[in-house]
Amino acid sequence: MGGDRAPDAVVAGVHLALKEVKAKLVLLGEEDKLRPHLSRLKALGVEFVDCGESIGMDESPVQAVRGKKDSSIVQGLKASAADSDNSAFFSAGHSGAVFAAALLAMGRIEGVERPAIVTTLPTLGGGHCILLDAGANIDCRPNHLRDFAYMGSTYARVYLRQARPTVGILSNGEEESKGTDLTRAAHALLKDDPHLNYVGYVEGKEIFTGKQHVVVTDGFTGNVVLKSLEGLGKTVSAIIRGELERTLFTKLGALFSMPALRNVQRKLDYAEVGAAPLLGVDGNCFIGHGRSNALAIKNGILRAQEAIELRLHPILRDQFRELATAQARQNATPVAPSR
């Protein structure tokens, strides 16, 4: 249990989720904070595990995870790691602590050096684009971006149902000479990779066109993109509301345009996505927004349940095994026959 609006939003979100999916839910948190809700949770069939500690949003992630082993984040990830293919962990608490605890409890999928946070963005025509990394890794090397491309491509196949998803690297231009040392080196790794449908550099303005299914970048840039979009969505909504309320005629027009405007707002609302998966850890781990409301909690639970049903983690794990086998064959040196 975590987030700025816990425990009320968490309990309400659990209630909403169980109206749409049959799943065994285990809620971890401090009993003192949840006592008013325990009878309701029991009636819903939710198992509750009392944890004696919690991790605050202002705490150092690594120190908190190491020092607060009875926190809901640490205990929840340990429990999920024990049955990684058939369980999932979701928290709207301290994202840095979730990342650190997931690495300690679940470890990495063999072959993955840096797990990445994935965010799903709306595109023209009602589609979606996968962006990673959205904040887990500030400093990256070219091989990290290659791993992000592999994971993002697999995620797009599973979630977007794309047989051969297109993959691009976020840059400041489409020409090969553009970008940074990191993007140019990553481009050199990906452009001839037979395991990817790589299309080259992607400019920021192209993310939402739907031409690329997966856009790869470092965690610093990805997080800036994500936070900028959140701010832009709020700003545009405020501007539109202000314009619609200026005169009697605009107010009348707002009555007819309100359904369409609500649909636009819904597509840009983080609560509709619910949670972002942390790909590359050896299990199903989902991170929610710190300001998650009941709708976001509900959708985060549904995303986690969907990952189990679609077998996202086993598919990712098997993919990296196949990549390792292919790489070993490529690097193998033929042995000359003896005479």
Protein backbone atom coordinates (compact mmCIF):
# COMPACT_ATOMS: atom_id res chain seq x y z
CA MET A 1 0.00 0.00 0.00
CA GLY A 2 1.39 3.40 -0.89
CA GLY A 3 0.82 6.75 -2.57
CA ASP A 4 -0.23 10.23 -1.55
CA ARG A 5 -3.90 9.24 -1.32
CA ALA A 6 -3.48 5.97 0.56
CA PRO A 7 -5.22 4.21 2.16
CA ASP A 8 -8.60 5.52 0.96
CA ALA A 9 -7.75 5.54 -2.76
CA VAL A 10 -6.10 2.13 -2.52
CA VAL A 11 -9.09 0.49 -0.85
CA ALA A 12 -11.51 2.14 -3.29
CA GLY A 13 -9.33 1.06 -6.22
CA VAL A 14 -9.27 -2.52 -4.97
CA HIS A 15 -13.06 -2.46 -4.77
CA LEU A 16 -13.33 -1.17 -8.36
CA ALA A 17 -10.84 -3.74 -9.67
CA LEU A 18 -12.69 -6.67 -8.14
CA LYS A 19 -15.82 -5.62 -10.00
CA GLU A 20 -13.99 -6.27 -13.28
CA VAL A 21 -11.63 -9.14 -12.62
CA LYS A 22 -11.49 -12.25 -10.48
CA ALA A 23 -8.11 -12.30 -8.82
CA LYS A 24 -6.55 -13.11 -5.50
CA LEU A 25 -5.47 -9.78 -4.07
CA VAL A 26 -3.10 -9.41 -1.14
CA LEU A 27 -2.86 -5.93 0.36
CA LEU A 28 0.19 -5.10 2.45
CA GLY A 29 0.39 -2.12 4.78
CA GLU A 30 0.29 -0.85 8.34
CA GLU A 31 -2.74 -2.16 10.22
CA ASP A 32 -3.19 1.05 12.21
CA LYS A 33 -3.79 3.02 9.01
CA LEU A 34 -6.06 0.41 7.47
CA ARG A 35 -8.12 -0.56 10.51
CA PRO A 36 -11.25 1.37 9.40
CA HIS A 37 -11.17 -0.54 6.09
CA LEU A 38 -10.34 -4.07 7.27
CA SER A 39 -13.93 -5.30 7.48
CA ARG A 40 -14.64 -4.03 3.96
CA LEU A 41 -11.49 -5.70 2.60
CA LYS A 42 -12.39 -8.97 4.28
CA ALA A 43 -15.87 -8.84 2.75
CA LEU A 44 -14.25 -8.42 -0.67
CA GLY A 45 -12.08 -11.49 -0.09
CA VAL A 46 -8.87 -9.46 0.05
CA GLU A 47 -6.08 -10.89 2.19
CA PHE A 48 -4.33 -8.33 4.38
CA VAL A 49 -0.72 -8.57 5.59
CA ASP A 50 0.33 -6.23 8.39
CA CYS A 51 3.71 -4.57 7.83
CA GLY A 52 5.34 -2.73 10.69
CA GLU A 53 7.18 -0.17 8.58
CA SER A 54 6.58 2.15 5.64
CA ILE A 55 8.92 4.01 3.29
CA GLY A 56 8.37 7.75 2.95
CA MET A 57 8.60 9.57 -0.37
CA ASP A 58 11.54 11.66 0.85
CA GLU A 59 13.71 8.73 1.99
CA SER A 60 16.80 7.43 0.22
CA PRO A 61 15.59 4.40 -1.79
CA VAL A 62 18.54 2.09 -1.16
CA GLN A 63 18.89 2.98 2.53
CA ALA A 64 15.15 2.63 3.10
CA VAL A 65 14.97 -0.77 1.40
CA ARG A 66 17.95 -2.08 3.35
CA GLY A 67 16.82 -0.61 6.66
CA LYS A 68 13.07 -1.24 6.48
CA LYS A 69 12.74 -4.91 5.65
CA ASP A 70 9.23 -5.04 7.14
CA SER A 71 7.89 -2.39 4.78
CA SER A 72 5.06 -3.25 2.39
CA ILE A 73 7.29 -2.67 -0.65
CA VAL A 74 10.01 -5.07 0.49
CA GLN A 75 7.63 -7.72 1.81
CA GLY A 76 5.37 -7.52 -1.23
CA LEU A 77 8.20 -7.93 -3.71
CA LYS A 78 9.62 -10.87 -1.76
CA ALA A 79 6.24 -12.60 -1.85
CA SER A 80 5.80 -11.95 -5.56
CA ALA A 81 9.31 -13.17 -6.36
CA ALA A 82 8.50 -16.54 -4.80
CA ASP A 83 6.08 -17.24 -7.68
CA SER A 84 7.25 -14.84 -10.35
CA ASP A 85 5.33 -16.29 -13.31
CA ASN A 86 1.95 -16.36 -11.58
CA SER A 87 1.99 -13.24 -9.43
CA ALA A 88 2.58 -9.51 -9.79
CA PHE A 89 3.48 -6.62 -7.51
CA PHE A 90 1.97 -3.14 -7.82
CA SER A 91 2.62 -0.06 -5.71
CA ALA A 92 1.95 3.67 -5.98
CA GLY A 93 4.52 4.31 -3.28
CA HIS A 94 8.16 5.44 -3.52
CA SER A 95 9.14 4.50 -7.10
CA GLY A 96 12.85 4.55 -6.32
CA ALA A 97 12.30 2.18 -3.41
CA VAL A 98 10.22 -0.14 -5.61
CA PHE A 99 13.05 -0.19 -8.17
CA ALA A 100 15.71 -0.92 -5.55
CA ALA A 101 13.63 -3.54 -3.75
CA ALA A 102 12.69 -5.25 -7.02
CA LEU A 103 16.36 -5.64 -7.92
CA LEU A 104 17.12 -7.12 -4.49
CA ALA A 105 14.08 -9.39 -4.23
CA MET A 106 13.57 -10.45 -7.84
CA GLY A 107 16.95 -9.91 -9.42
CA ARG A 108 17.33 -9.39 -13.16
CA ILE A 109 16.32 -11.57 -16.06
CA GLU A 110 19.48 -13.29 -17.25
CA GLY A 111 20.98 -11.17 -20.01
CA VAL A 112 19.42 -7.88 -18.84
CA GLU A 113 21.87 -5.43 -17.32
CA ARG A 114 19.46 -2.55 -16.64
CA PRO A 115 15.70 -2.92 -16.10
CA ALA A 116 13.60 -0.09 -17.55
CA ILE A 117 10.29 1.61 -16.80
CA VAL A 118 7.81 1.49 -19.68
CA THR A 119 5.14 4.07 -20.35
CA THR A 120 2.35 3.80 -22.90
CA LEU A 121 1.52 6.98 -24.85
CA PRO A 122 -1.52 7.71 -27.06
CA THR A 123 -1.00 8.19 -30.79
CA LEU A 124 -3.06 9.47 -33.70
CA GLY A 125 -5.72 7.06 -34.87
CA GLY A 126 -6.34 5.64 -31.42
CA GLY A 127 -3.14 3.62 -31.20
CA HIS A 128 -0.32 3.57 -28.68
CA CYS A 129 3.44 3.97 -28.56
CA ILE A 130 5.75 2.34 -26.02
CA LEU A 131 8.42 4.64 -24.52
CA LEU A 132 11.30 3.33 -22.42
CA ASP A 133 13.19 4.06 -20.26
CA ALA A 134 10.82 6.46 -18.47
CA GLY A 135 13.02 7.11 -15.45
CA ALA A 136 14.81 4.08 -14.01
CA ASN A 137 18.29 4.75 -15.46
CA ILE A 138 19.68 8.27 -15.65
CA ASP A 139 23.02 7.24 -17.16
CA CYS A 140 22.96 4.63 -19.89
CA ARG A 141 25.38 2.88 -22.22
CA PRO A 142 24.62 1.83 -25.82
CA ASN A 143 24.06 -1.82 -24.87
CA HIS A 144 21.46 -0.70 -22.31
CA LEU A 145 19.46 0.99 -25.06
CA ARG A 146 19.75 -2.19 -27.10
CA ASP A 147 18.25 -4.17 -24.20
CA PHE A 148 15.49 -1.56 -23.90
CA ALA A 149 14.77 -2.08 -27.60
CA TYR A 150 14.50 -5.85 -27.14
CA MET A 151 12.22 -5.49 -24.10
CA GLY A 152 10.09 -2.78 -25.71
CA SER A 153 9.67 -4.83 -28.87
CA THR A 154 8.51 -7.85 -26.88
CA TYR A 155 6.16 -5.70 -24.80
CA ALA A 156 4.64 -4.24 -27.99
CA ARG A 157 4.10 -7.73 -29.40
CA VAL A 158 2.36 -8.86 -26.22
CA TYR A 159 0.32 -5.76 -25.36
CA LEU A 160 -0.16 -4.00 -28.70
CA ARG A 161 -0.55 -7.27 -30.62
CA GLN A 162 2.01 -6.12 -33.20
CA ALA A 163 3.64 -9.05 -34.99
CA ARG A 164 6.73 -7.02 -35.93
CA PRO A 165 6.76 -3.74 -34.02
CA THR A 166 8.86 -0.87 -35.31
CA VAL A 167 11.59 0.41 -32.98
CA GLY A 168 13.35 3.78 -33.03
CA ILE A 169 15.80 5.76 -30.91
CA LEU A 170 14.67 9.18 -29.67
CA SER A 171 16.92 11.89 -31.13
CA ASN A 172 16.99 15.52 -32.26
CA GLY A 173 16.87 14.62 -35.95
CA GLU A 174 16.49 11.71 -38.34
CA GLU A 175 19.96 11.96 -39.90
CA GLU A 176 22.61 9.50 -38.66
CA SER A 177 24.92 12.40 -37.81
CA LYS A 178 22.42 13.82 -35.30
CA GLY A 179 22.10 12.85 -31.65
CA THR A 180 24.65 12.28 -28.90
CA ASP A 181 27.54 9.87 -28.51
CA LEU A 182 25.09 7.55 -26.75
CA THR A 183 22.42 7.59 -29.45
CA ARG A 184 24.94 7.27 -32.30
CA ALA A 185 26.62 4.28 -30.65
CA ALA A 186 23.24 2.67 -29.91
CA HIS A 187 22.16 3.30 -33.50
CA ALA A 188 25.25 1.46 -34.72
CA LEU A 189 24.27 -1.54 -32.57
CA LEU A 190 20.64 -1.64 -33.67
CA LYS A 191 20.70 -0.80 -37.37
CA ASP A 192 21.75 -4.29 -38.48
CA ASP A 193 20.22 -6.27 -35.62
CA PRO A 194 18.20 -9.15 -37.15
CA HIS A 195 16.07 -9.48 -34.01
CA LEU A 196 14.54 -6.00 -34.32
CA ASN A 197 12.48 -4.06 -36.83
CA TYR A 198 14.63 -1.00 -36.32
CA VAL A 199 13.67 2.18 -38.22
CA GLY A 200 16.36 4.62 -37.04
CA TYR A 201 16.10 7.90 -35.19
CA VAL A 202 12.75 9.31 -34.04
CA GLU A 203 12.20 13.00 -33.36
CA GLY A 204 10.06 14.02 -30.41
CA LYS A 205 7.28 15.30 -32.67
CA GLU A 206 6.99 11.85 -34.27
CA ILE A 207 6.28 9.95 -31.04
CA PHE A 208 2.54 10.53 -31.31
CA THR A 209 2.09 9.86 -35.04
CA GLY A 210 1.84 6.10 -34.61
CA LYS A 211 4.65 5.41 -37.09
CA GLN A 212 6.80 3.81 -34.38
CA HIS A 213 5.51 1.28 -31.89
CA VAL A 214 8.55 1.52 -29.60
CA VAL A 215 10.74 4.55 -28.83
CA VAL A 216 13.94 3.97 -26.87
CA THR A 217 15.84 6.54 -24.81
CA ASP A 218 17.77 6.94 -21.57
CA GLY A 219 15.84 7.32 -18.32
CA PHE A 220 16.63 11.01 -17.89
CA THR A 221 15.29 12.00 -21.30
CA GLY A 222 12.34 9.62 -21.06
CA ASN A 223 11.26 11.00 -17.71
CA VAL A 224 11.50 14.58 -18.99
CA VAL A 225 9.29 13.62 -21.94
CA LEU A 226 6.76 11.97 -19.64
CA LYS A 227 6.62 14.83 -17.11
CA SER A 228 6.42 17.41 -19.90
CA LEU A 229 3.40 15.61 -21.34
CA GLU A 230 1.70 15.58 -17.94
CA GLY A 231 2.25 19.31 -17.60
CA LEU A 232 1.18 20.00 -21.18
CA GLY A 233 -2.04 18.06 -20.72
CA LYS A 234 -2.98 20.10 -17.66
CA THR A 235 -2.06 23.37 -19.37
CA VAL A 236 -4.05 22.64 -22.53
CA SER A 237 -7.07 21.56 -20.47
CA ALA A 238 -6.92 24.78 -18.45
CA ILE A 239 -6.61 26.91 -21.60
CA ILE A 240 -9.56 25.19 -23.25
CA ARG A 241 -11.72 25.58 -20.14
CA GLY A 242 -10.82 29.25 -19.95
CA GLU A 243 -11.73 29.85 -23.59
CA LEU A 244 -15.01 27.96 -23.31
CA GLU A 245 -16.08 30.06 -20.33
CA ARG A 246 -15.32 33.45 -21.89
CA THR A 247 -18.74 34.29 -23.36
CA LEU A 248 -22.30 33.00 -23.45
CA PHE A 249 -21.77 31.63 -26.97
CA THR A 250 -18.63 29.71 -26.00
CA LYS A 251 -20.43 28.31 -22.97
CA LEU A 252 -23.24 27.08 -25.23
CA GLY A 253 -20.67 25.56 -27.56
CA ALA A 254 -19.06 23.82 -24.62
CA LEU A 255 -22.28 21.91 -23.97
CA PHE A 256 -22.00 20.25 -27.39
CA SER A 257 -18.23 19.74 -27.36
CA MET A 258 -17.92 18.49 -23.78
CA PRO A 259 -18.21 14.75 -24.60
CA ALA A 260 -15.36 14.99 -27.12
CA LEU A 261 -13.25 17.04 -24.72
CA ARG A 262 -13.80 14.49 -21.97
CA ASN A 263 -12.63 11.73 -24.31
CA VAL A 264 -9.45 13.68 -25.08
CA GLN A 265 -8.83 14.30 -21.39
CA ARG A 266 -9.37 10.61 -20.64
CA LYS A 267 -6.79 9.56 -23.21
CA LEU A 268 -4.21 11.86 -21.61
CA ASP A 269 -5.05 10.93 -18.01
CA TYR A 270 -2.38 8.88 -16.22
CA ALA A 271 -5.13 7.20 -14.21
CA GLU A 272 -6.39 5.47 -17.36
CA VAL A 273 -3.05 3.68 -17.69
CA GLY A 274 -2.73 2.97 -13.98
CA ALA A 275 0.79 1.64 -13.76
CA ALA A 276 4.07 1.33 -15.63
CA PRO A 277 5.82 -2.04 -15.76
CA LEU A 278 9.44 -2.35 -14.68
CA LEU A 279 10.74 -4.62 -17.42
CA GLY A 280 13.91 -6.63 -16.96
CA VAL A 281 13.48 -7.68 -13.34
CA ASP A 282 12.85 -11.39 -12.86
CA GLY A 283 9.15 -11.01 -12.11
CA ASN A 284 6.09 -8.84 -12.73
CA CYS A 285 6.56 -5.43 -11.10
CA PHE A 286 4.35 -2.39 -11.71
CA ILE A 287 4.88 1.18 -10.51
CA GLY A 288 1.99 3.61 -10.07
CA HIS A 289 1.94 7.40 -9.93
CA GLY A 290 2.41 8.84 -6.44
CA ARG A 291 -0.83 10.81 -6.87
CA SER A 292 -2.82 7.74 -7.92
CA ASN A 293 -6.55 8.00 -7.29
CA ALA A 294 -8.98 5.08 -7.07
CA LEU A 295 -9.25 4.82 -10.87
CA ALA A 296 -5.47 4.66 -11.23
CA ILE A 297 -5.22 1.99 -8.53
CA LYS A 298 -7.93 -0.04 -10.24
CA ASN A 299 -6.25 0.17 -13.63
CA GLY A 300 -2.86 -0.60 -12.11
CA ILE A 301 -4.27 -3.80 -10.64
CA LEU A 302 -5.85 -4.70 -13.99
CA ARG A 303 -2.55 -4.11 -15.80
CA ALA A 304 -0.74 -6.37 -13.36
CA GLN A 305 -3.37 -9.08 -13.73
CA GLU A 306 -3.16 -8.78 -17.52
CA ALA A 307 0.60 -9.29 -17.40
CA ILE A 308 0.08 -12.59 -15.59
CA GLU A 309 -2.59 -13.72 -18.04
CA LEU A 310 -0.51 -12.78 -21.09
CA ARG A 311 2.58 -14.41 -19.53
CA LEU A 312 4.66 -11.29 -20.12
CA HIS A 313 7.46 -12.27 -17.74
CA PRO A 314 8.04 -15.82 -19.08
CA ILE A 315 7.99 -14.47 -22.65
CA LEU A 316 10.60 -11.83 -21.82
CA ARG A 317 12.76 -14.36 -20.00
CA ASP A 318 12.60 -16.82 -22.90
CA GLN A 319 13.41 -14.08 -25.39
CA PHE A 320 16.64 -13.16 -23.65
CA ARG A 321 17.60 -16.82 -23.45
CA GLU A 322 17.12 -17.09 -27.21
CA LEU A 323 19.13 -13.91 -27.76
CA ALA A 324 21.97 -15.30 -25.63
CA THR A 325 21.92 -18.56 -27.61
CA ALA A 326 21.98 -16.70 -30.92
CA GLN A 327 24.84 -14.50 -29.72
CA ALA A 328 26.81 -17.54 -28.58
CA ARG A 329 26.41 -19.17 -31.99
CA GLN A 330 27.50 -15.98 -33.72
CA ASN A 331 30.60 -15.70 -31.54
CA ALA A 332 31.51 -19.37 -31.82
CA THR A 333 34.72 -20.06 -33.68
CA PRO A 334 34.58 -23.04 -36.07
CA VAL A 335 36.96 -25.82 -35.10
CA ALA A 336 39.11 -27.16 -37.93
CA PRO A 337 38.83 -30.95 -38.39
CA SER A 338 41.80 -32.93 -37.13
CA ARG A 339 44.00 -34.77 -39.60
